[in-house]
Amino acid sequence: MKRLSMTVAGAAFTALLTVAVAPVQAAPLEFNFSTERGATGSFTLETDTPPSSEPALLRMGFTGISYPNAVSNFSFSAPYINLSSVTTDFNVVPSFTSDFIGLPANLGVVSAVSYPPGCITAPGLTCLFDIAVLYSGNLSELPELSDKPNSYSIGLGVDFYDPTTRERLRDDITNLQVVLRQPIPESGSSLSLLAFGIASVGLLLKRNLDRTGKATQALIHGS
């Protein structure tokens, strides 16, 4: 009976671990920024977005990793364009390093929000604008994006392309803030699930003990 109790208790512990341990997901990041020309913007980056099978296409032959629809709640107010709560793509270009663009080496590589969606993987450089920041996450872990705010701490600027002339307007980012978005409680669902698991395991243990007790009594009376 003692051995049976230990077996059931082991099963109970395993069941509780199965109920209580949830998979860890990368956390979304909230970006807020302003520019030299008076533009302001904000967006959410879902860092667990899988990469596209198609590379990001940039000028001068650079290619990078594209993350379709990784950017949500994207709002941007500027003298040259206004957007409100749209969804678009993010990209990282591992070969486009900080020293290549005239900054000190080892600061990171160029990453960007590209609008409209799909433009960064389309031939012909069809993006209306890009919002570029330096990405300083561990490059060996790419294509998995870092969910640490300090991996995106340096804002570069906005490159806006006139839809008619394709002339580029540059607007430098003067202030960038990146924070980890606080998770929204799931109405106690995890605790409820855990409580259900505990109750189920307790009932299982009780039933097995009752059965063992009845079997023992039957042996005693029959002897």
N, C-alpha and C. Protein backbone atom coordinates (compact mmCIF):
# COMPACT_ATOMS: atom_id res chain seq x y z
N MET A 1 0.83 -1.21 0.00
CA MET A 1 0.00 0.00 0.00
C MET A 1 0.86 1.25 0.00
N LYS A 2 1.96 1.19 0.78
CA LYS A 2 2.87 2.34 0.82
C LYS A 2 3.48 2.58 -0.55
N ARG A 3 3.86 1.43 -1.22
CA ARG A 3 4.46 1.56 -2.54
C ARG A 3 3.46 2.15 -3.54
N LEU A 4 2.21 1.70 -3.44
CA LEU A 4 1.17 2.24 -4.32
C LEU A 4 0.97 3.73 -4.08
N SER A 5 0.96 4.13 -2.81
CA SER A 5 0.78 5.55 -2.49
C SER A 5 1.90 6.38 -3.08
N MET A 6 3.14 5.88 -3.00
CA MET A 6 4.29 6.61 -3.57
C MET A 6 4.16 6.71 -5.08
N THR A 7 3.67 5.63 -5.71
CA THR A 7 3.50 5.65 -7.17
C THR A 7 2.47 6.68 -7.59
N VAL A 8 1.34 6.69 -6.89
CA VAL A 8 0.29 7.66 -7.19
C VAL A 8 0.76 9.07 -6.90
N ALA A 9 1.52 9.24 -5.81
CA ALA A 9 2.03 10.57 -5.48
C ALA A 9 2.99 11.06 -6.56
N GLY A 10 3.79 10.13 -7.11
CA GLY A 10 4.69 10.51 -8.21
C GLY A 10 3.92 10.95 -9.43
N ALA A 11 2.85 10.21 -9.72
CA ALA A 11 2.00 10.59 -10.85
C ALA A 11 1.35 11.93 -10.60
N ALA A 12 0.97 12.19 -9.36
CA ALA A 12 0.36 13.47 -9.01
C ALA A 12 1.32 14.62 -9.23
N PHE A 13 2.58 14.42 -8.81
CA PHE A 13 3.58 15.48 -8.97
C PHE A 13 3.81 15.77 -10.45
N THR A 14 3.89 14.70 -11.25
CA THR A 14 4.08 14.88 -12.70
C THR A 14 2.90 15.63 -13.31
N ALA A 15 1.70 15.27 -12.89
CA ALA A 15 0.51 15.95 -13.41
C ALA A 15 0.50 17.41 -13.05
N LEU A 16 0.91 17.74 -11.82
CA LEU A 16 0.94 19.14 -11.39
C LEU A 16 1.94 19.93 -12.20
N LEU A 17 3.10 19.33 -12.48
CA LEU A 17 4.09 20.02 -13.29
C LEU A 17 3.55 20.28 -14.69
N THR A 18 2.84 19.29 -15.23
CA THR A 18 2.27 19.45 -16.57
C THR A 18 1.27 20.57 -16.62
N VAL A 19 0.47 20.72 -15.57
CA VAL A 19 -0.54 21.77 -15.52
C VAL A 19 0.07 23.13 -15.27
N ALA A 20 1.06 23.18 -14.34
CA ALA A 20 1.54 24.47 -13.86
C ALA A 20 2.55 25.12 -14.78
N VAL A 21 3.34 24.33 -15.52
CA VAL A 21 4.42 24.89 -16.32
C VAL A 21 3.90 25.21 -17.71
N ALA A 22 3.87 26.47 -18.05
CA ALA A 22 3.41 26.92 -19.37
C ALA A 22 4.62 27.27 -20.23
N PRO A 23 4.51 27.13 -21.54
CA PRO A 23 5.64 27.49 -22.40
C PRO A 23 5.97 28.98 -22.30
N VAL A 24 7.27 29.30 -22.31
CA VAL A 24 7.72 30.68 -22.21
C VAL A 24 7.70 31.30 -23.60
N GLN A 25 7.06 32.44 -23.74
CA GLN A 25 6.99 33.13 -25.01
C GLN A 25 7.74 34.44 -24.94
N ALA A 26 8.32 34.83 -26.09
CA ALA A 26 9.01 36.11 -26.15
C ALA A 26 8.02 37.24 -25.92
N ALA A 27 8.45 38.25 -25.21
CA ALA A 27 7.55 39.34 -24.84
C ALA A 27 7.53 40.43 -25.91
N PRO A 28 6.37 41.05 -26.14
CA PRO A 28 6.30 42.18 -27.07
C PRO A 28 7.02 43.41 -26.48
N LEU A 29 7.52 44.24 -27.37
CA LEU A 29 8.19 45.48 -26.97
C LEU A 29 7.40 46.67 -27.47
N GLU A 30 7.32 47.71 -26.64
CA GLU A 30 6.64 48.94 -27.01
C GLU A 30 7.68 50.02 -27.35
N PHE A 31 7.54 50.62 -28.54
CA PHE A 31 8.45 51.66 -29.01
C PHE A 31 7.70 53.00 -29.06
N ASN A 32 8.38 54.05 -28.59
CA ASN A 32 7.90 55.42 -28.76
C ASN A 32 9.07 56.28 -29.22
N PHE A 33 8.84 57.16 -30.19
CA PHE A 33 9.97 57.95 -30.69
C PHE A 33 9.49 59.29 -31.22
N SER A 34 10.44 60.21 -31.35
CA SER A 34 10.19 61.50 -31.97
C SER A 34 11.38 61.83 -32.87
N THR A 35 11.18 62.77 -33.81
CA THR A 35 12.22 63.07 -34.79
C THR A 35 12.56 64.56 -34.83
N GLU A 36 13.60 64.85 -35.55
CA GLU A 36 14.09 66.21 -35.69
C GLU A 36 13.07 67.12 -36.36
N ARG A 37 12.28 66.59 -37.28
CA ARG A 37 11.28 67.37 -38.01
C ARG A 37 9.93 67.43 -37.30
N GLY A 38 9.88 66.94 -36.08
CA GLY A 38 8.65 67.04 -35.30
C GLY A 38 7.70 65.87 -35.41
N ALA A 39 8.13 64.78 -36.03
CA ALA A 39 7.28 63.61 -36.14
C ALA A 39 7.29 62.83 -34.82
N THR A 40 6.20 62.14 -34.55
CA THR A 40 6.12 61.26 -33.39
C THR A 40 5.53 59.93 -33.84
N GLY A 41 5.90 58.87 -33.15
CA GLY A 41 5.39 57.57 -33.54
C GLY A 41 5.48 56.56 -32.41
N SER A 42 4.74 55.48 -32.57
CA SER A 42 4.77 54.39 -31.60
C SER A 42 4.35 53.11 -32.30
N PHE A 43 4.83 51.98 -31.79
CA PHE A 43 4.42 50.69 -32.34
C PHE A 43 4.80 49.58 -31.36
N THR A 44 4.20 48.42 -31.58
CA THR A 44 4.51 47.22 -30.81
C THR A 44 5.22 46.23 -31.70
N LEU A 45 6.34 45.70 -31.21
CA LEU A 45 7.09 44.69 -31.96
C LEU A 45 6.88 43.34 -31.29
N GLU A 46 6.28 42.40 -32.02
CA GLU A 46 6.10 41.03 -31.54
C GLU A 46 7.37 40.26 -31.84
N THR A 47 8.21 40.07 -30.83
CA THR A 47 9.54 39.50 -31.06
C THR A 47 9.53 38.01 -31.33
N ASP A 48 8.39 37.34 -31.16
CA ASP A 48 8.33 35.92 -31.46
C ASP A 48 7.76 35.64 -32.86
N THR A 49 7.69 36.67 -33.71
CA THR A 49 7.20 36.50 -35.07
C THR A 49 8.17 35.67 -35.90
N PRO A 50 7.71 34.63 -36.57
CA PRO A 50 8.62 33.84 -37.42
C PRO A 50 9.06 34.63 -38.65
N PRO A 51 10.28 34.39 -39.13
CA PRO A 51 10.76 35.13 -40.30
C PRO A 51 10.11 34.64 -41.59
N SER A 52 10.14 35.50 -42.59
CA SER A 52 9.66 35.14 -43.91
C SER A 52 10.69 34.27 -44.62
N SER A 53 10.22 33.44 -45.53
CA SER A 53 11.14 32.66 -46.36
C SER A 53 11.79 33.52 -47.43
N GLU A 54 11.23 34.72 -47.65
CA GLU A 54 11.79 35.65 -48.64
C GLU A 54 12.66 36.68 -47.94
N PRO A 55 13.84 36.99 -48.48
CA PRO A 55 14.73 37.95 -47.83
C PRO A 55 14.24 39.38 -47.96
N ALA A 56 14.65 40.21 -47.02
CA ALA A 56 14.41 41.65 -47.13
C ALA A 56 15.37 42.21 -48.18
N LEU A 57 14.85 43.07 -49.04
CA LEU A 57 15.65 43.64 -50.14
C LEU A 57 15.88 45.12 -49.88
N LEU A 58 17.15 45.52 -49.86
CA LEU A 58 17.48 46.92 -49.59
C LEU A 58 18.37 47.47 -50.69
N ARG A 59 18.69 48.74 -50.58
CA ARG A 59 19.57 49.39 -51.55
C ARG A 59 20.99 48.86 -51.43
N MET A 60 21.78 49.09 -52.46
CA MET A 60 23.19 48.71 -52.52
C MET A 60 23.39 47.20 -52.41
N GLY A 61 22.35 46.43 -52.74
CA GLY A 61 22.50 44.99 -52.76
C GLY A 61 22.42 44.29 -51.41
N PHE A 62 22.10 45.03 -50.36
CA PHE A 62 21.99 44.41 -49.04
C PHE A 62 20.70 43.59 -48.96
N THR A 63 20.79 42.48 -48.27
CA THR A 63 19.61 41.67 -47.98
C THR A 63 19.57 41.39 -46.49
N GLY A 64 18.38 41.14 -45.98
CA GLY A 64 18.23 40.89 -44.56
C GLY A 64 17.12 39.90 -44.28
N ILE A 65 16.71 39.84 -43.03
CA ILE A 65 15.66 38.94 -42.58
C ILE A 65 14.39 39.74 -42.38
N SER A 66 13.31 39.29 -42.98
CA SER A 66 12.03 40.00 -42.87
C SER A 66 11.10 39.24 -41.93
N TYR A 67 10.35 40.01 -41.11
CA TYR A 67 9.39 39.45 -40.17
C TYR A 67 8.01 40.03 -40.50
N PRO A 68 7.23 39.32 -41.33
CA PRO A 68 5.94 39.88 -41.78
C PRO A 68 4.97 40.11 -40.62
N ASN A 69 4.34 41.27 -40.64
CA ASN A 69 3.31 41.64 -39.65
C ASN A 69 3.80 41.57 -38.21
N ALA A 70 5.10 41.73 -38.01
CA ALA A 70 5.65 41.72 -36.65
C ALA A 70 5.35 43.01 -35.91
N VAL A 71 5.01 44.08 -36.65
CA VAL A 71 4.74 45.39 -36.06
C VAL A 71 3.24 45.64 -36.07
N SER A 72 2.70 45.94 -34.89
CA SER A 72 1.27 46.23 -34.78
C SER A 72 1.08 47.55 -34.02
N ASN A 73 -0.16 48.04 -34.03
CA ASN A 73 -0.47 49.31 -33.34
C ASN A 73 0.48 50.43 -33.77
N PHE A 74 0.85 50.43 -35.03
CA PHE A 74 1.81 51.40 -35.54
C PHE A 74 1.10 52.71 -35.88
N SER A 75 1.45 53.76 -35.14
CA SER A 75 0.92 55.09 -35.40
C SER A 75 2.08 56.05 -35.64
N PHE A 76 1.91 56.91 -36.63
CA PHE A 76 3.00 57.80 -37.02
C PHE A 76 2.39 59.12 -37.50
N SER A 77 2.81 60.22 -36.88
CA SER A 77 2.31 61.53 -37.25
C SER A 77 3.49 62.41 -37.65
N ALA A 78 3.47 62.87 -38.91
CA ALA A 78 4.57 63.68 -39.44
C ALA A 78 4.04 64.66 -40.48
N PRO A 79 4.80 65.70 -40.78
CA PRO A 79 4.36 66.64 -41.82
C PRO A 79 4.20 65.97 -43.18
N TYR A 80 4.87 64.85 -43.39
CA TYR A 80 4.85 64.21 -44.69
C TYR A 80 3.94 62.99 -44.78
N ILE A 81 3.48 62.43 -43.63
CA ILE A 81 2.56 61.29 -43.66
C ILE A 81 1.96 61.06 -42.27
N ASN A 82 0.74 60.52 -42.24
CA ASN A 82 0.09 60.17 -40.97
C ASN A 82 -0.51 58.77 -41.08
N LEU A 83 -0.27 57.98 -40.05
CA LEU A 83 -0.82 56.63 -39.97
C LEU A 83 -1.38 56.43 -38.57
N SER A 84 -2.37 55.53 -38.46
CA SER A 84 -2.95 55.25 -37.15
C SER A 84 -3.24 53.76 -36.99
N SER A 85 -2.57 53.14 -36.03
CA SER A 85 -2.83 51.75 -35.63
C SER A 85 -2.83 50.77 -36.80
N VAL A 86 -1.78 50.79 -37.59
CA VAL A 86 -1.67 49.85 -38.70
C VAL A 86 -0.69 48.73 -38.34
N THR A 87 -0.70 47.71 -39.16
CA THR A 87 0.21 46.57 -39.00
C THR A 87 1.16 46.53 -40.19
N THR A 88 2.43 46.26 -39.92
CA THR A 88 3.40 46.20 -41.01
C THR A 88 4.57 45.30 -40.62
N ASP A 89 5.66 45.37 -41.39
CA ASP A 89 6.75 44.41 -41.26
C ASP A 89 7.98 45.00 -40.56
N PHE A 90 8.79 44.09 -40.02
CA PHE A 90 10.06 44.45 -39.40
C PHE A 90 11.17 43.68 -40.12
N ASN A 91 12.37 44.23 -40.12
CA ASN A 91 13.48 43.52 -40.74
C ASN A 91 14.80 43.82 -40.03
N VAL A 92 15.72 42.88 -40.11
CA VAL A 92 17.07 43.03 -39.56
C VAL A 92 18.05 42.70 -40.68
N VAL A 93 19.11 43.52 -40.80
CA VAL A 93 20.10 43.34 -41.86
C VAL A 93 21.47 43.08 -41.21
N PRO A 94 21.84 41.82 -40.98
CA PRO A 94 23.07 41.51 -40.23
C PRO A 94 24.35 42.07 -40.85
N SER A 95 24.38 42.25 -42.16
CA SER A 95 25.60 42.75 -42.80
C SER A 95 25.68 44.27 -42.84
N PHE A 96 24.61 44.96 -42.44
CA PHE A 96 24.57 46.42 -42.47
C PHE A 96 24.95 46.92 -41.08
N THR A 97 26.25 46.97 -40.81
CA THR A 97 26.77 47.24 -39.47
C THR A 97 26.88 48.73 -39.17
N SER A 98 27.01 49.05 -37.88
CA SER A 98 27.05 50.45 -37.45
C SER A 98 28.23 51.21 -38.06
N ASP A 99 29.38 50.58 -38.19
CA ASP A 99 30.54 51.29 -38.76
C ASP A 99 30.35 51.58 -40.24
N PHE A 100 29.52 50.78 -40.92
CA PHE A 100 29.28 51.02 -42.34
C PHE A 100 28.52 52.31 -42.56
N ILE A 101 27.70 52.71 -41.58
CA ILE A 101 26.93 53.95 -41.73
C ILE A 101 27.58 55.12 -40.97
N GLY A 102 28.85 54.96 -40.61
CA GLY A 102 29.60 56.07 -40.03
C GLY A 102 29.55 56.17 -38.52
N LEU A 103 29.04 55.16 -37.84
CA LEU A 103 29.01 55.14 -36.38
C LEU A 103 30.14 54.25 -35.85
N PRO A 104 30.44 54.33 -34.56
CA PRO A 104 31.46 53.43 -34.01
C PRO A 104 31.11 51.97 -34.26
N ALA A 105 32.16 51.17 -34.39
CA ALA A 105 31.95 49.74 -34.66
C ALA A 105 31.32 49.04 -33.44
N ASN A 106 30.70 47.91 -33.70
CA ASN A 106 30.16 47.03 -32.66
C ASN A 106 28.96 47.62 -31.89
N LEU A 107 28.30 48.63 -32.46
CA LEU A 107 27.09 49.15 -31.82
C LEU A 107 25.87 48.32 -32.18
N GLY A 108 25.97 47.60 -33.29
CA GLY A 108 24.84 46.80 -33.73
C GLY A 108 24.72 46.82 -35.24
N VAL A 109 23.59 46.32 -35.73
CA VAL A 109 23.30 46.30 -37.16
C VAL A 109 21.96 47.00 -37.39
N VAL A 110 21.72 47.39 -38.62
CA VAL A 110 20.51 48.13 -38.94
C VAL A 110 19.29 47.20 -38.95
N SER A 111 18.24 47.66 -38.29
CA SER A 111 16.93 47.02 -38.37
C SER A 111 15.92 48.11 -38.64
N ALA A 112 14.72 47.74 -39.06
CA ALA A 112 13.77 48.78 -39.43
C ALA A 112 12.34 48.28 -39.48
N VAL A 113 11.43 49.22 -39.26
CA VAL A 113 10.02 49.05 -39.58
C VAL A 113 9.85 49.51 -41.02
N SER A 114 9.24 48.69 -41.86
CA SER A 114 9.06 49.05 -43.27
C SER A 114 7.57 49.08 -43.62
N TYR A 115 7.16 50.15 -44.29
CA TYR A 115 5.75 50.35 -44.63
C TYR A 115 5.62 50.69 -46.11
N PRO A 116 4.62 50.14 -46.82
CA PRO A 116 3.51 49.29 -46.39
C PRO A 116 3.92 47.83 -46.26
N PRO A 117 3.04 46.99 -45.70
CA PRO A 117 3.36 45.57 -45.53
C PRO A 117 3.74 44.92 -46.85
N GLY A 118 4.77 44.08 -46.80
CA GLY A 118 5.21 43.35 -47.99
C GLY A 118 6.19 44.10 -48.86
N CYS A 119 6.40 45.40 -48.60
CA CYS A 119 7.26 46.19 -49.49
C CYS A 119 8.73 45.78 -49.39
N ILE A 120 9.15 45.31 -48.22
CA ILE A 120 10.57 45.04 -48.02
C ILE A 120 11.03 43.78 -48.74
N THR A 121 10.09 42.90 -49.10
CA THR A 121 10.47 41.68 -49.84
C THR A 121 10.11 41.77 -51.32
N ALA A 122 9.49 42.88 -51.72
CA ALA A 122 9.09 43.05 -53.13
C ALA A 122 10.24 43.65 -53.94
N PRO A 123 10.52 43.16 -55.14
CA PRO A 123 11.56 43.76 -55.98
C PRO A 123 11.19 45.19 -56.36
N GLY A 124 12.22 46.02 -56.52
CA GLY A 124 11.99 47.38 -56.99
C GLY A 124 11.92 48.43 -55.92
N LEU A 125 12.22 48.08 -54.64
CA LEU A 125 12.28 49.06 -53.55
C LEU A 125 10.99 49.88 -53.48
N THR A 126 9.92 49.22 -53.13
CA THR A 126 8.60 49.84 -53.16
C THR A 126 8.15 50.42 -51.81
N CYS A 127 9.00 50.41 -50.80
CA CYS A 127 8.60 50.93 -49.49
C CYS A 127 8.39 52.44 -49.54
N LEU A 128 7.34 52.90 -48.87
CA LEU A 128 7.08 54.32 -48.77
C LEU A 128 8.02 54.97 -47.76
N PHE A 129 8.24 54.28 -46.64
CA PHE A 129 9.24 54.76 -45.68
C PHE A 129 9.69 53.63 -44.76
N ASP A 130 10.86 53.86 -44.15
CA ASP A 130 11.45 52.95 -43.17
C ASP A 130 11.78 53.74 -41.92
N ILE A 131 11.60 53.11 -40.76
CA ILE A 131 12.03 53.70 -39.50
C ILE A 131 13.15 52.81 -38.96
N ALA A 132 14.36 53.31 -38.97
CA ALA A 132 15.53 52.48 -38.69
C ALA A 132 16.05 52.67 -37.26
N VAL A 133 16.40 51.55 -36.63
CA VAL A 133 17.05 51.54 -35.32
C VAL A 133 18.19 50.53 -35.38
N LEU A 134 19.17 50.70 -34.49
CA LEU A 134 20.25 49.71 -34.42
C LEU A 134 19.80 48.53 -33.58
N TYR A 135 20.07 47.34 -34.09
CA TYR A 135 19.76 46.11 -33.38
C TYR A 135 21.06 45.54 -32.81
N SER A 136 21.13 45.44 -31.48
CA SER A 136 22.36 44.96 -30.83
C SER A 136 22.16 43.63 -30.11
N GLY A 137 21.12 42.89 -30.51
CA GLY A 137 20.93 41.56 -29.94
C GLY A 137 22.00 40.60 -30.44
N ASN A 138 22.02 39.42 -29.87
CA ASN A 138 23.00 38.39 -30.26
C ASN A 138 22.72 37.93 -31.68
N LEU A 139 23.63 38.25 -32.60
CA LEU A 139 23.40 37.92 -34.01
C LEU A 139 23.40 36.41 -34.26
N SER A 140 24.10 35.66 -33.40
CA SER A 140 24.13 34.21 -33.59
C SER A 140 22.78 33.56 -33.30
N GLU A 141 21.89 34.29 -32.62
CA GLU A 141 20.57 33.75 -32.31
C GLU A 141 19.53 34.08 -33.38
N LEU A 142 19.89 34.95 -34.34
CA LEU A 142 18.97 35.23 -35.43
C LEU A 142 18.71 33.97 -36.23
N PRO A 143 17.49 33.78 -36.75
CA PRO A 143 16.42 34.78 -36.93
C PRO A 143 15.54 35.02 -35.70
N GLU A 144 15.85 34.41 -34.55
CA GLU A 144 15.07 34.71 -33.35
C GLU A 144 15.43 36.09 -32.84
N LEU A 145 14.43 36.96 -32.70
CA LEU A 145 14.66 38.33 -32.25
C LEU A 145 14.80 38.41 -30.74
N SER A 146 15.62 39.32 -30.28
CA SER A 146 15.75 39.57 -28.85
C SER A 146 14.49 40.26 -28.33
N ASP A 147 14.09 39.91 -27.10
CA ASP A 147 12.98 40.63 -26.47
C ASP A 147 13.46 41.55 -25.35
N LYS A 148 14.75 41.92 -25.41
CA LYS A 148 15.33 42.84 -24.42
C LYS A 148 15.28 44.27 -24.98
N PRO A 149 14.70 45.20 -24.25
CA PRO A 149 14.59 46.58 -24.76
C PRO A 149 15.94 47.20 -25.15
N ASN A 150 17.02 46.88 -24.39
CA ASN A 150 18.30 47.50 -24.71
C ASN A 150 18.92 46.97 -26.00
N SER A 151 18.30 45.97 -26.63
CA SER A 151 18.78 45.50 -27.94
C SER A 151 18.34 46.42 -29.07
N TYR A 152 17.51 47.42 -28.75
CA TYR A 152 16.97 48.35 -29.75
C TYR A 152 17.11 49.79 -29.25
N SER A 153 18.19 50.10 -28.55
CA SER A 153 18.26 51.35 -27.79
C SER A 153 18.67 52.57 -28.60
N ILE A 154 19.18 52.39 -29.81
CA ILE A 154 19.68 53.53 -30.60
C ILE A 154 18.79 53.74 -31.83
N GLY A 155 18.11 54.90 -31.87
CA GLY A 155 17.29 55.23 -33.02
C GLY A 155 18.12 55.92 -34.09
N LEU A 156 17.92 55.58 -35.34
CA LEU A 156 18.66 56.18 -36.44
C LEU A 156 17.85 57.25 -37.15
N GLY A 157 16.77 56.89 -37.79
CA GLY A 157 16.00 57.91 -38.49
C GLY A 157 14.90 57.32 -39.34
N VAL A 158 14.17 58.22 -39.99
CA VAL A 158 13.09 57.86 -40.90
C VAL A 158 13.53 58.21 -42.31
N ASP A 159 13.43 57.23 -43.21
CA ASP A 159 13.69 57.47 -44.63
C ASP A 159 12.35 57.41 -45.34
N PHE A 160 11.89 58.58 -45.80
CA PHE A 160 10.61 58.67 -46.50
C PHE A 160 10.88 58.87 -47.98
N TYR A 161 10.21 58.07 -48.83
CA TYR A 161 10.42 58.14 -50.27
C TYR A 161 9.18 58.74 -50.93
N ASP A 162 9.38 59.86 -51.63
CA ASP A 162 8.27 60.50 -52.31
C ASP A 162 7.67 59.51 -53.32
N PRO A 163 6.37 59.22 -53.24
CA PRO A 163 5.78 58.20 -54.11
C PRO A 163 5.83 58.56 -55.60
N THR A 164 6.02 59.84 -55.90
CA THR A 164 6.06 60.26 -57.31
C THR A 164 7.49 60.32 -57.83
N THR A 165 8.36 61.02 -57.12
CA THR A 165 9.73 61.24 -57.60
C THR A 165 10.71 60.21 -57.06
N ARG A 166 10.32 59.45 -56.02
CA ARG A 166 11.19 58.51 -55.31
C ARG A 166 12.36 59.22 -54.64
N GLU A 167 12.26 60.53 -54.51
CA GLU A 167 13.29 61.27 -53.79
C GLU A 167 13.20 60.94 -52.29
N ARG A 168 14.36 60.79 -51.66
CA ARG A 168 14.37 60.39 -50.26
C ARG A 168 14.45 61.60 -49.35
N LEU A 169 13.58 61.62 -48.34
CA LEU A 169 13.62 62.64 -47.30
C LEU A 169 14.10 61.96 -46.02
N ARG A 170 15.14 62.53 -45.40
CA ARG A 170 15.71 61.95 -44.19
C ARG A 170 15.27 62.75 -42.97
N ASP A 171 14.82 62.04 -41.93
CA ASP A 171 14.37 62.68 -40.70
C ASP A 171 14.98 61.91 -39.53
N ASP A 172 15.93 62.52 -38.83
CA ASP A 172 16.65 61.82 -37.77
C ASP A 172 15.81 61.63 -36.52
N ILE A 173 15.94 60.46 -35.88
CA ILE A 173 15.27 60.20 -34.61
C ILE A 173 16.08 60.87 -33.49
N THR A 174 15.41 61.69 -32.71
CA THR A 174 16.09 62.40 -31.62
C THR A 174 15.80 61.79 -30.25
N ASN A 175 14.74 61.00 -30.16
CA ASN A 175 14.40 60.37 -28.88
C ASN A 175 13.72 59.04 -29.16
N LEU A 176 14.21 57.99 -28.51
CA LEU A 176 13.64 56.65 -28.67
C LEU A 176 13.54 55.99 -27.31
N GLN A 177 12.37 55.48 -27.01
CA GLN A 177 12.16 54.74 -25.77
C GLN A 177 11.56 53.38 -26.10
N VAL A 178 12.14 52.35 -25.52
CA VAL A 178 11.69 50.98 -25.75
C VAL A 178 11.48 50.32 -24.39
N VAL A 179 10.29 49.77 -24.17
CA VAL A 179 9.99 49.11 -22.90
C VAL A 179 9.31 47.78 -23.18
N LEU A 180 9.45 46.88 -22.21
CA LEU A 180 8.78 45.59 -22.27
C LEU A 180 7.31 45.78 -21.93
N ARG A 181 6.42 45.30 -22.80
CA ARG A 181 4.99 45.45 -22.53
C ARG A 181 4.57 44.49 -21.41
N GLN A 182 3.83 45.01 -20.46
CA GLN A 182 3.38 44.19 -19.35
C GLN A 182 2.33 43.20 -19.82
N PRO A 183 2.46 41.92 -19.44
CA PRO A 183 1.46 40.93 -19.88
C PRO A 183 0.11 41.20 -19.26
N ILE A 184 -0.95 40.88 -20.00
CA ILE A 184 -2.32 41.06 -19.51
C ILE A 184 -2.74 39.77 -18.81
N PRO A 185 -3.21 39.85 -17.55
CA PRO A 185 -3.65 38.63 -16.84
C PRO A 185 -4.74 37.92 -17.62
N GLU A 186 -4.70 36.60 -17.59
CA GLU A 186 -5.64 35.79 -18.36
C GLU A 186 -6.83 35.37 -17.50
N SER A 187 -7.41 36.30 -16.73
CA SER A 187 -8.61 36.06 -15.92
C SER A 187 -8.48 34.87 -14.99
N GLY A 188 -7.29 34.66 -14.51
CA GLY A 188 -7.08 33.58 -13.56
C GLY A 188 -7.18 32.20 -14.17
N SER A 189 -7.09 32.09 -15.50
CA SER A 189 -7.26 30.79 -16.15
C SER A 189 -6.17 29.81 -15.75
N SER A 190 -4.93 30.31 -15.60
CA SER A 190 -3.83 29.42 -15.24
C SER A 190 -4.03 28.87 -13.83
N LEU A 191 -4.46 29.77 -12.91
CA LEU A 191 -4.70 29.32 -11.53
C LEU A 191 -5.86 28.34 -11.49
N SER A 192 -6.89 28.59 -12.27
CA SER A 192 -8.03 27.69 -12.31
C SER A 192 -7.63 26.32 -12.82
N LEU A 193 -6.78 26.33 -13.85
CA LEU A 193 -6.31 25.07 -14.41
C LEU A 193 -5.47 24.31 -13.40
N LEU A 194 -4.63 25.06 -12.67
CA LEU A 194 -3.80 24.42 -11.65
C LEU A 194 -4.67 23.83 -10.55
N ALA A 195 -5.69 24.58 -10.12
CA ALA A 195 -6.59 24.09 -9.07
C ALA A 195 -7.33 22.84 -9.53
N PHE A 196 -7.74 22.84 -10.79
CA PHE A 196 -8.42 21.66 -11.33
C PHE A 196 -7.50 20.45 -11.34
N GLY A 197 -6.23 20.70 -11.69
CA GLY A 197 -5.25 19.61 -11.71
C GLY A 197 -5.02 19.04 -10.31
N ILE A 198 -4.93 19.92 -9.32
CA ILE A 198 -4.73 19.47 -7.95
C ILE A 198 -5.93 18.64 -7.48
N ALA A 199 -7.14 19.12 -7.76
CA ALA A 199 -8.35 18.39 -7.35
C ALA A 199 -8.42 17.04 -8.02
N SER A 200 -8.07 16.98 -9.31
CA SER A 200 -8.13 15.72 -10.05
C SER A 200 -7.14 14.71 -9.49
N VAL A 201 -5.93 15.20 -9.20
CA VAL A 201 -4.90 14.31 -8.66
C VAL A 201 -5.29 13.82 -7.28
N GLY A 202 -5.88 14.70 -6.46
CA GLY A 202 -6.32 14.31 -5.13
C GLY A 202 -7.40 13.24 -5.20
N LEU A 203 -8.33 13.38 -6.14
CA LEU A 203 -9.39 12.38 -6.31
C LEU A 203 -8.81 11.05 -6.75
N LEU A 204 -7.83 11.11 -7.66
CA LEU A 204 -7.19 9.89 -8.12
C LEU A 204 -6.50 9.16 -6.97
N LEU A 205 -5.79 9.93 -6.16
CA LEU A 205 -5.10 9.35 -5.02
C LEU A 205 -6.10 8.71 -4.05
N LYS A 206 -7.21 9.39 -3.76
CA LYS A 206 -8.22 8.88 -2.84
C LYS A 206 -8.83 7.58 -3.36
N ARG A 207 -9.15 7.55 -4.67
CA ARG A 207 -9.75 6.35 -5.25
C ARG A 207 -8.82 5.15 -5.15
N ASN A 208 -7.54 5.38 -5.43
CA ASN A 208 -6.58 4.28 -5.36
C ASN A 208 -6.39 3.78 -3.93
N LEU A 209 -6.39 4.71 -2.99
CA LEU A 209 -6.27 4.30 -1.58
C LEU A 209 -7.50 3.53 -1.14
N ASP A 210 -8.71 3.97 -1.57
CA ASP A 210 -9.94 3.27 -1.22
C ASP A 210 -9.94 1.86 -1.78
N ARG A 211 -9.51 1.74 -3.05
CA ARG A 211 -9.46 0.42 -3.66
C ARG A 211 -8.49 -0.49 -2.93
N THR A 212 -7.34 0.04 -2.56
CA THR A 212 -6.34 -0.75 -1.85
C THR A 212 -6.87 -1.19 -0.50
N GLY A 213 -7.59 -0.28 0.20
CA GLY A 213 -8.15 -0.60 1.51
C GLY A 213 -9.19 -1.70 1.41
N LYS A 214 -10.05 -1.61 0.39
CA LYS A 214 -11.08 -2.63 0.22
C LYS A 214 -10.46 -3.99 -0.11
N ALA A 215 -9.42 -3.98 -0.93
CA ALA A 215 -8.76 -5.24 -1.28
C ALA A 215 -8.11 -5.86 -0.05
N THR A 216 -7.53 -5.02 0.80
CA THR A 216 -6.89 -5.52 2.03
C THR A 216 -7.93 -6.12 2.96
N GLN A 217 -9.07 -5.43 3.10
CA GLN A 217 -10.13 -5.94 3.96
C GLN A 217 -10.66 -7.28 3.45
N ALA A 218 -10.81 -7.42 2.14
CA ALA A 218 -11.30 -8.66 1.56
C ALA A 218 -10.35 -9.82 1.84
N LEU A 219 -9.06 -9.55 1.80
CA LEU A 219 -8.07 -10.60 2.10
C LEU A 219 -8.15 -11.01 3.56
N ILE A 220 -8.36 -10.02 4.44
CA ILE A 220 -8.41 -10.31 5.88
C ILE A 220 -9.63 -11.15 6.19
N HIS A 221 -10.80 -10.76 5.67
CA HIS A 221 -12.04 -11.49 5.94
C HIS A 221 -12.05 -12.87 5.29
N GLY A 222 -11.34 -13.00 4.20
CA GLY A 222 -11.36 -14.28 3.52
C GLY A 222 -10.38 -15.29 4.08
N SER A 223 -9.47 -14.82 4.92
CA SER A 223 -8.46 -15.73 5.48
C SER A 223 -8.94 -16.41 6.74
